[in-house]
Protein backbone atom coordinates (compact mmCIF):
# COMPACT_ATOMS: atom_id res chain seq x y z
CA MET A 1 108.50 29.44 -256.72
CA SER A 2 105.65 31.91 -257.00
CA LYS A 3 104.45 33.98 -254.02
CA LYS A 4 100.99 32.35 -254.28
CA LEU A 5 102.48 28.90 -253.70
CA LEU A 6 104.86 30.02 -250.91
CA LEU A 7 102.24 31.61 -248.62
CA PRO A 8 100.25 28.39 -247.84
CA ILE A 9 103.47 26.55 -246.97
CA ILE A 10 104.55 29.29 -244.51
CA PHE A 11 101.11 29.31 -242.88
CA LEU A 12 101.19 25.50 -242.41
CA LEU A 13 104.62 25.67 -240.75
CA PHE A 14 103.35 28.42 -238.41
CA VAL A 15 100.41 26.27 -237.28
CA ILE A 16 102.69 23.27 -236.58
CA ILE A 17 105.08 25.39 -234.45
CA ILE A 18 102.23 26.88 -232.32
CA SER A 19 100.72 23.42 -231.75
CA ALA A 20 104.04 22.02 -230.56
CA CYS A 21 104.53 24.91 -228.13
CA GLY A 22 101.05 24.36 -226.71
CA ASN A 23 101.71 20.66 -226.07
CA ASN A 24 105.01 21.42 -224.31
CA ALA A 25 103.31 23.97 -222.04
CA SER A 26 100.55 21.48 -221.20
CA ASN A 27 103.08 18.77 -220.38
CA ASN A 28 105.10 21.15 -218.20
CA ASN A 29 101.99 22.22 -216.28
CA GLU A 30 100.95 18.61 -215.76
CA ALA A 31 104.43 17.73 -214.49
CA SER A 32 104.38 20.71 -212.11
CA ASN A 33 100.96 19.73 -210.78
CA ASN A 34 102.06 16.12 -210.28
CA GLU A 35 105.21 17.27 -208.45
CA ALA A 36 103.18 19.56 -206.17
CA SER A 37 100.71 16.80 -205.41
CA SER A 38 103.53 14.38 -204.64
CA SER A 39 105.20 16.93 -202.37
CA SER A 40 101.94 17.62 -200.54
CA ALA A 41 101.27 13.91 -200.05
CA SER A 42 104.79 13.32 -198.76
CA LYS A 43 104.43 16.23 -196.35
CA GLY A 44 101.09 14.90 -195.09
CA ALA A 45 102.53 11.43 -194.59
CA SER A 46 105.50 12.91 -192.77
CA GLU A 47 103.26 14.90 -190.46
CA GLN A 48 101.23 11.78 -189.67
CA GLN A 49 104.18 9.48 -189.03
CA THR A 50 106.55 11.81 -187.17
CA PRO A 51 105.63 12.50 -183.49
CA THR A 52 105.26 16.11 -182.50
CA GLU A 53 107.96 17.69 -180.38
CA SER A 54 105.75 17.64 -177.28
CA GLU A 55 104.86 13.96 -177.82
CA SER A 56 108.51 13.01 -178.18
CA ALA A 57 109.43 14.98 -175.08
CA ALA A 58 106.66 13.31 -173.14
CA LYS A 59 108.15 9.90 -173.95
CA THR A 60 111.89 10.42 -173.96
CA GLY A 61 112.67 13.98 -172.92
CA THR A 62 112.91 15.86 -169.66
CA VAL A 63 110.77 18.47 -168.00
CA THR A 64 111.49 21.05 -165.34
CA TYR A 65 109.77 20.27 -162.05
CA GLN A 66 109.47 23.00 -159.43
CA SER A 67 110.21 21.24 -156.15
CA GLU A 68 110.18 22.82 -152.70
CA LEU A 69 113.99 22.89 -152.84
CA GLY A 70 114.21 24.37 -156.33
CA ARG A 71 113.88 23.49 -160.00
CA VAL A 72 114.87 19.96 -161.03
CA GLU A 73 115.21 18.50 -164.52
CA VAL A 74 113.38 15.17 -164.34
CA PRO A 75 112.38 12.54 -166.92
CA ALA A 76 109.06 13.30 -168.54
CA ASN A 77 108.24 9.61 -168.35
CA PRO A 78 110.37 8.05 -165.58
CA GLN A 79 110.86 4.29 -165.88
CA ARG A 80 113.12 3.47 -162.92
CA ILE A 81 112.01 5.26 -159.78
CA VAL A 82 113.59 4.85 -156.36
CA ALA A 83 111.11 6.13 -153.78
CA LEU A 84 112.57 6.59 -150.32
CA THR A 85 109.34 8.36 -149.43
CA ASN A 86 105.86 8.74 -150.98
CA ALA A 87 106.13 5.35 -152.65
CA PRO A 88 102.40 4.60 -152.08
CA ASN A 89 101.50 7.80 -153.92
CA VAL A 90 103.68 6.71 -156.84
CA LEU A 91 102.15 3.22 -156.87
CA SER A 92 98.64 4.66 -156.85
CA LEU A 93 99.46 6.43 -160.11
CA GLY A 94 101.01 3.38 -161.73
CA GLY A 95 104.58 4.63 -161.41
CA THR A 96 107.37 2.14 -162.10
CA LEU A 97 109.43 1.51 -158.95
CA VAL A 98 112.76 -0.28 -158.79
CA GLY A 99 113.54 0.67 -155.17
CA VAL A 100 111.29 1.33 -152.17
CA ASP A 101 111.59 2.03 -148.43
CA GLU A 102 111.15 -0.84 -145.95
CA TRP A 103 107.89 0.49 -144.47
CA THR A 104 106.10 0.51 -147.79
CA ASN A 105 107.53 -2.92 -148.50
CA LYS A 106 105.95 -4.22 -145.26
CA ASN A 107 102.54 -2.78 -146.12
CA PRO A 108 100.16 -5.62 -147.10
CA LEU A 109 98.23 -3.33 -149.44
CA PHE A 110 101.22 -3.13 -151.80
CA THR A 111 102.61 -6.67 -151.68
CA ASP A 112 101.49 -7.58 -155.20
CA LYS A 113 102.67 -4.30 -156.68
CA LEU A 114 106.15 -4.58 -155.16
CA ASN A 115 107.07 -7.99 -156.51
CA GLY A 116 110.71 -7.77 -157.59
CA VAL A 117 111.21 -4.23 -156.22
CA GLU A 118 114.31 -3.83 -154.04
CA VAL A 119 114.19 -2.47 -150.49
CA VAL A 120 116.57 0.49 -150.19
CA SER A 121 117.47 3.29 -147.81
CA GLU A 122 119.34 6.56 -148.08
CA ASP A 123 122.24 4.99 -146.17
CA ASN A 124 122.85 2.33 -148.82
CA LEU A 125 123.90 4.47 -151.75
CA GLU A 126 125.73 1.61 -153.47
CA LYS A 127 122.53 -0.38 -153.79
CA ILE A 128 120.68 2.62 -155.18
CA ILE A 129 123.44 3.12 -157.77
CA GLU A 130 123.12 -0.53 -158.83
CA LEU A 131 119.42 0.01 -159.54
CA GLU A 132 120.29 2.74 -162.10
CA PRO A 133 117.31 4.96 -161.25
CA ASP A 134 116.25 7.77 -163.56
CA LEU A 135 114.39 9.49 -160.69
CA ILE A 136 114.77 9.49 -156.90
CA ILE A 137 112.12 10.71 -154.45
CA ALA A 138 113.45 11.47 -150.99
CA ASP A 139 112.64 13.26 -147.76
CA ALA A 140 113.79 16.87 -147.62
CA SER A 141 115.54 16.16 -144.31
CA SER A 142 117.71 13.39 -145.78
CA LYS A 143 121.34 13.78 -144.77
CA ASN A 144 122.48 12.23 -148.06
CA LEU A 145 120.41 14.46 -150.34
CA ASP A 146 123.43 15.87 -152.17
CA LYS A 147 124.82 12.38 -152.79
CA LEU A 148 121.47 11.17 -154.07
CA LYS A 149 121.42 14.04 -156.55
CA GLU A 150 124.70 12.77 -157.99
CA ILE A 151 123.09 9.41 -158.75
CA ALA A 152 119.92 10.65 -160.50
CA PRO A 153 117.54 13.64 -160.58
CA THR A 154 116.23 13.87 -157.01
CA VAL A 155 113.02 15.48 -155.80
CA ALA A 156 112.54 15.95 -152.05
CA TYR A 157 109.37 16.51 -150.03
CA THR A 158 108.86 17.53 -146.43
CA TRP A 159 106.42 15.12 -144.83
CA GLY A 160 103.24 16.94 -143.86
CA LYS A 161 104.08 20.19 -145.62
CA LEU A 162 101.28 19.54 -148.10
CA ASP A 163 97.89 18.17 -147.12
CA PHE A 164 97.16 14.59 -148.14
CA LEU A 165 95.24 15.52 -151.29
CA SER A 166 97.67 18.20 -152.47
CA GLN A 167 100.52 15.73 -152.02
CA GLN A 168 98.89 13.31 -154.43
CA VAL A 169 98.44 16.05 -157.03
CA GLU A 170 102.07 17.05 -156.56
CA ILE A 171 103.23 13.50 -157.22
CA GLY A 172 100.97 13.58 -160.28
CA LYS A 173 102.82 16.66 -161.54
CA LEU A 174 106.15 14.94 -161.01
CA LEU A 175 105.09 11.84 -162.97
CA ASN A 176 103.37 13.79 -165.74
CA LYS A 177 100.00 12.49 -164.48
CA GLU A 178 98.55 15.59 -162.88
CA GLN A 179 95.15 15.31 -164.55
CA GLU A 180 94.78 11.72 -163.39
CA ALA A 181 95.75 12.66 -159.84
CA GLN A 182 93.40 15.65 -159.75
CA ALA A 183 90.51 13.58 -161.10
CA TRP A 184 90.94 11.11 -158.24
CA VAL A 185 91.14 13.92 -155.67
CA ASP A 186 87.93 15.50 -156.93
CA ASP A 187 86.05 12.21 -157.01
CA PHE A 188 87.32 10.95 -153.67
CA SER A 189 86.57 14.22 -151.90
CA GLN A 190 82.95 14.03 -153.00
CA ARG A 191 82.57 10.39 -151.99
CA ALA A 192 84.25 10.88 -148.60
CA LYS A 193 82.12 13.94 -147.82
CA ALA A 194 78.96 12.02 -148.74
CA ALA A 195 80.04 9.12 -146.51
CA GLY A 196 80.72 11.54 -143.66
CA ASP A 197 77.27 13.07 -144.00
CA GLU A 198 75.70 9.62 -143.96
CA ILE A 199 77.71 8.60 -140.89
CA LYS A 200 76.81 11.77 -138.97
CA ALA A 201 73.16 11.19 -139.78
CA LYS A 202 73.51 7.73 -138.23
CA ILE A 203 75.66 8.44 -135.12
CA GLY A 204 74.65 12.06 -134.51
CA GLU A 205 76.04 15.42 -135.62
CA ASN A 206 77.88 15.93 -132.32
CA ALA A 207 79.28 12.43 -131.89
CA THR A 208 83.07 12.31 -131.43
CA VAL A 209 85.69 9.93 -132.76
CA SER A 210 89.15 9.15 -131.34
CA VAL A 211 91.97 7.35 -133.13
CA PHE A 212 94.15 5.26 -130.79
CA GLU A 213 97.16 3.12 -131.50
CA THR A 214 99.20 0.76 -129.36
CA ASP A 215 102.60 -0.81 -129.94
CA SER A 216 102.33 -3.10 -126.90
CA LYS A 217 104.34 -0.63 -124.81
CA ASN A 218 102.63 2.71 -125.31
CA PHE A 219 99.32 4.14 -126.37
CA TYR A 220 98.94 7.07 -128.75
CA VAL A 221 96.07 9.29 -129.75
CA PHE A 222 96.27 11.10 -133.07
CA GLY A 223 95.34 14.51 -134.43
CA ASN A 224 93.87 15.14 -137.87
CA ALA A 225 96.91 14.53 -140.07
CA TRP A 226 98.92 11.54 -138.86
CA ALA A 227 97.68 8.77 -141.21
CA ARG A 228 95.74 5.90 -139.58
CA GLY A 229 92.72 7.35 -141.36
CA THR A 230 92.89 10.65 -139.46
CA GLU A 231 92.85 12.80 -142.60
CA LEU A 232 89.87 10.86 -143.88
CA LEU A 233 87.89 10.98 -140.63
CA TYR A 234 88.51 14.56 -139.59
CA GLN A 235 89.27 16.42 -142.82
CA ALA A 236 87.40 14.64 -145.61
CA MET A 237 84.46 13.24 -143.62
CA GLU A 238 84.40 16.18 -141.17
CA LEU A 239 83.74 14.00 -138.11
CA ASN A 240 84.28 15.48 -134.64
CA MET A 241 87.35 15.15 -132.43
CA PRO A 242 87.07 15.12 -128.60
CA GLU A 243 88.17 18.37 -126.96
CA LYS A 244 90.90 16.65 -124.95
CA VAL A 245 92.39 15.26 -128.15
CA LYS A 246 92.28 18.72 -129.75
CA GLU A 247 94.18 20.16 -126.80
CA ASP A 248 97.03 17.65 -126.75
CA ALA A 249 97.29 15.96 -130.15
CA LEU A 250 96.07 18.38 -132.80
CA GLY A 251 99.21 20.52 -132.81
CA PRO A 252 102.01 17.94 -132.59
CA GLY A 253 100.08 15.32 -134.55
CA TYR A 254 100.00 12.66 -131.85
CA TYR A 255 100.16 12.36 -128.08
CA THR A 256 101.51 9.53 -125.94
CA LEU A 257 99.13 8.15 -123.31
CA SER A 258 99.30 5.86 -120.32
CA PRO A 259 96.59 3.20 -120.10
CA GLU A 260 95.08 4.89 -117.06
CA VAL A 261 94.03 8.02 -118.98
CA LEU A 262 92.70 6.36 -122.16
CA SER A 263 89.11 7.07 -121.19
CA ASP A 264 89.88 10.81 -120.90
CA TYR A 265 90.71 10.89 -124.63
CA ALA A 266 88.13 8.41 -125.86
CA GLY A 267 85.32 9.69 -128.05
CA ASP A 268 81.89 8.20 -128.57
CA TYR A 269 83.57 6.02 -131.17
CA ILE A 270 87.12 4.68 -131.22
CA VAL A 271 89.20 3.75 -134.25
CA LEU A 272 91.87 1.40 -132.91
CA SER A 273 95.04 0.93 -134.93
CA ARG A 274 96.85 -2.22 -133.85
CA SER A 275 99.15 -4.84 -135.28
CA VAL A 276 97.56 -8.23 -135.70
CA GLN A 277 100.91 -9.74 -134.73
CA GLY A 278 101.39 -7.63 -131.60
CA ASP A 279 100.46 -8.19 -127.98
CA ASN A 280 96.87 -7.06 -127.64
CA SER A 281 96.18 -8.40 -124.17
CA PHE A 282 95.30 -4.85 -123.06
CA MET A 283 91.93 -5.33 -124.76
CA GLN A 284 91.02 -7.74 -121.98
CA THR A 285 91.87 -5.36 -119.13
CA ASP A 286 89.28 -3.57 -117.00
CA THR A 287 90.77 -0.22 -117.99
CA TRP A 288 89.93 -0.86 -121.63
CA GLN A 289 86.66 -2.68 -121.08
CA LYS A 290 85.22 0.13 -118.94
CA ILE A 291 85.61 2.81 -121.65
CA PRO A 292 82.04 3.72 -122.76
CA ALA A 293 82.81 3.36 -126.48
CA VAL A 294 84.18 -0.14 -125.83
CA LYS A 295 81.17 -1.12 -123.70
CA ASN A 296 78.82 0.11 -126.42
CA GLY A 297 80.60 -1.83 -129.15
CA HIS A 298 81.72 1.40 -130.87
CA VAL A 299 85.26 0.28 -131.70
CA ILE A 300 86.47 0.01 -135.31
CA GLU A 301 89.77 -1.85 -135.68
CA ILE A 302 92.29 -1.19 -138.44
CA ASP A 303 95.60 -2.90 -139.26
CA THR A 304 98.49 -0.61 -138.32
CA GLU A 305 100.76 -1.96 -141.09
CA ALA A 306 98.11 -1.16 -143.70
CA SER A 307 97.18 2.27 -142.35
CA THR A 308 100.37 4.30 -141.97
CA TYR A 309 99.99 6.26 -145.22
CA SER A 310 97.43 8.63 -146.72
CA ASP A 311 97.70 7.75 -150.40
CA PRO A 312 94.74 6.82 -152.65
CA THR A 313 95.12 3.06 -152.20
CA THR A 314 95.18 3.32 -148.40
CA LEU A 315 92.37 5.88 -148.27
CA GLU A 316 90.08 3.81 -150.47
CA TYR A 317 90.79 0.81 -148.24
CA LEU A 318 89.99 2.77 -145.07
CA LEU A 319 86.91 4.44 -146.55
CA ASN A 320 85.31 1.03 -147.01
CA ILE A 321 86.22 -0.01 -143.45
CA PHE A 322 84.83 3.17 -141.93
CA LYS A 323 81.60 3.06 -143.90
CA GLU A 324 81.01 -0.51 -142.80
CA GLY A 325 82.08 0.13 -139.20
CA PHE A 326 80.03 3.27 -138.54
CA LEU A 327 76.96 2.31 -140.52
CA LYS A 328 76.55 -1.31 -139.40
């Protein structure tokens, strides 16, 4: 074959080879791009469907809670709480109780919320075990604290160590609901202060208020942090306490009185805590009837069973009673 005929054939073969290489490279690039796109899409779907580590921990994990007795590993989202104390605070935050103390159980404000919840005490450990709690809240003075810790993570509080608002925030921290608790504290503080200002404008800046209670045998007068609305009246509303009450009840929290000296501790207004089922015949005696606040119709009655705590539910209940009673 002559060289003139051979050269065109070689050139044609060269063109075919280059074209084939180009197509292979294009196909490889397209496959690589498709693979990358598929990988990226799968990664995006995975990120959308798989909960983050913090979200998973919030639902099923544990967190370290700094209690007054030390660090405690507690459920991030407790589902079976036994509250031997501070149960009303837990209920106010929507906590799930399986066991509660008898005093909270008797409180009419919580009847609906405690349907099916067992009444327990620190002395009946077997019953607490049967409830299979994932969190126990107890008093720091409990004699069975170590045994409770063997049943479930246990957090203890000393009653009165924190003020009534700080205690609610602390329960919020424990239940992973601190923001919710703090929001209520901020809002309630503003509303209670405004109500106090309105009441003082009505009854006078210097008017005094006493909080009495009777159990049919004794009379008590309370300081500014012994429930029965005392925290609300004296701390949040900033109403005035009679000097005699300051002297004898402010420090210890309450002071026992005989009927004969009631008038010495009575303010311009009296908040009377009494049981609707108790013997209240004292209200018909001359000793009671002669107290100026009683004669002037300045007595606001509250139900003892519904007033022995200082949680949000109780405080909201008492705020309405006080506003109506003082401003009528």
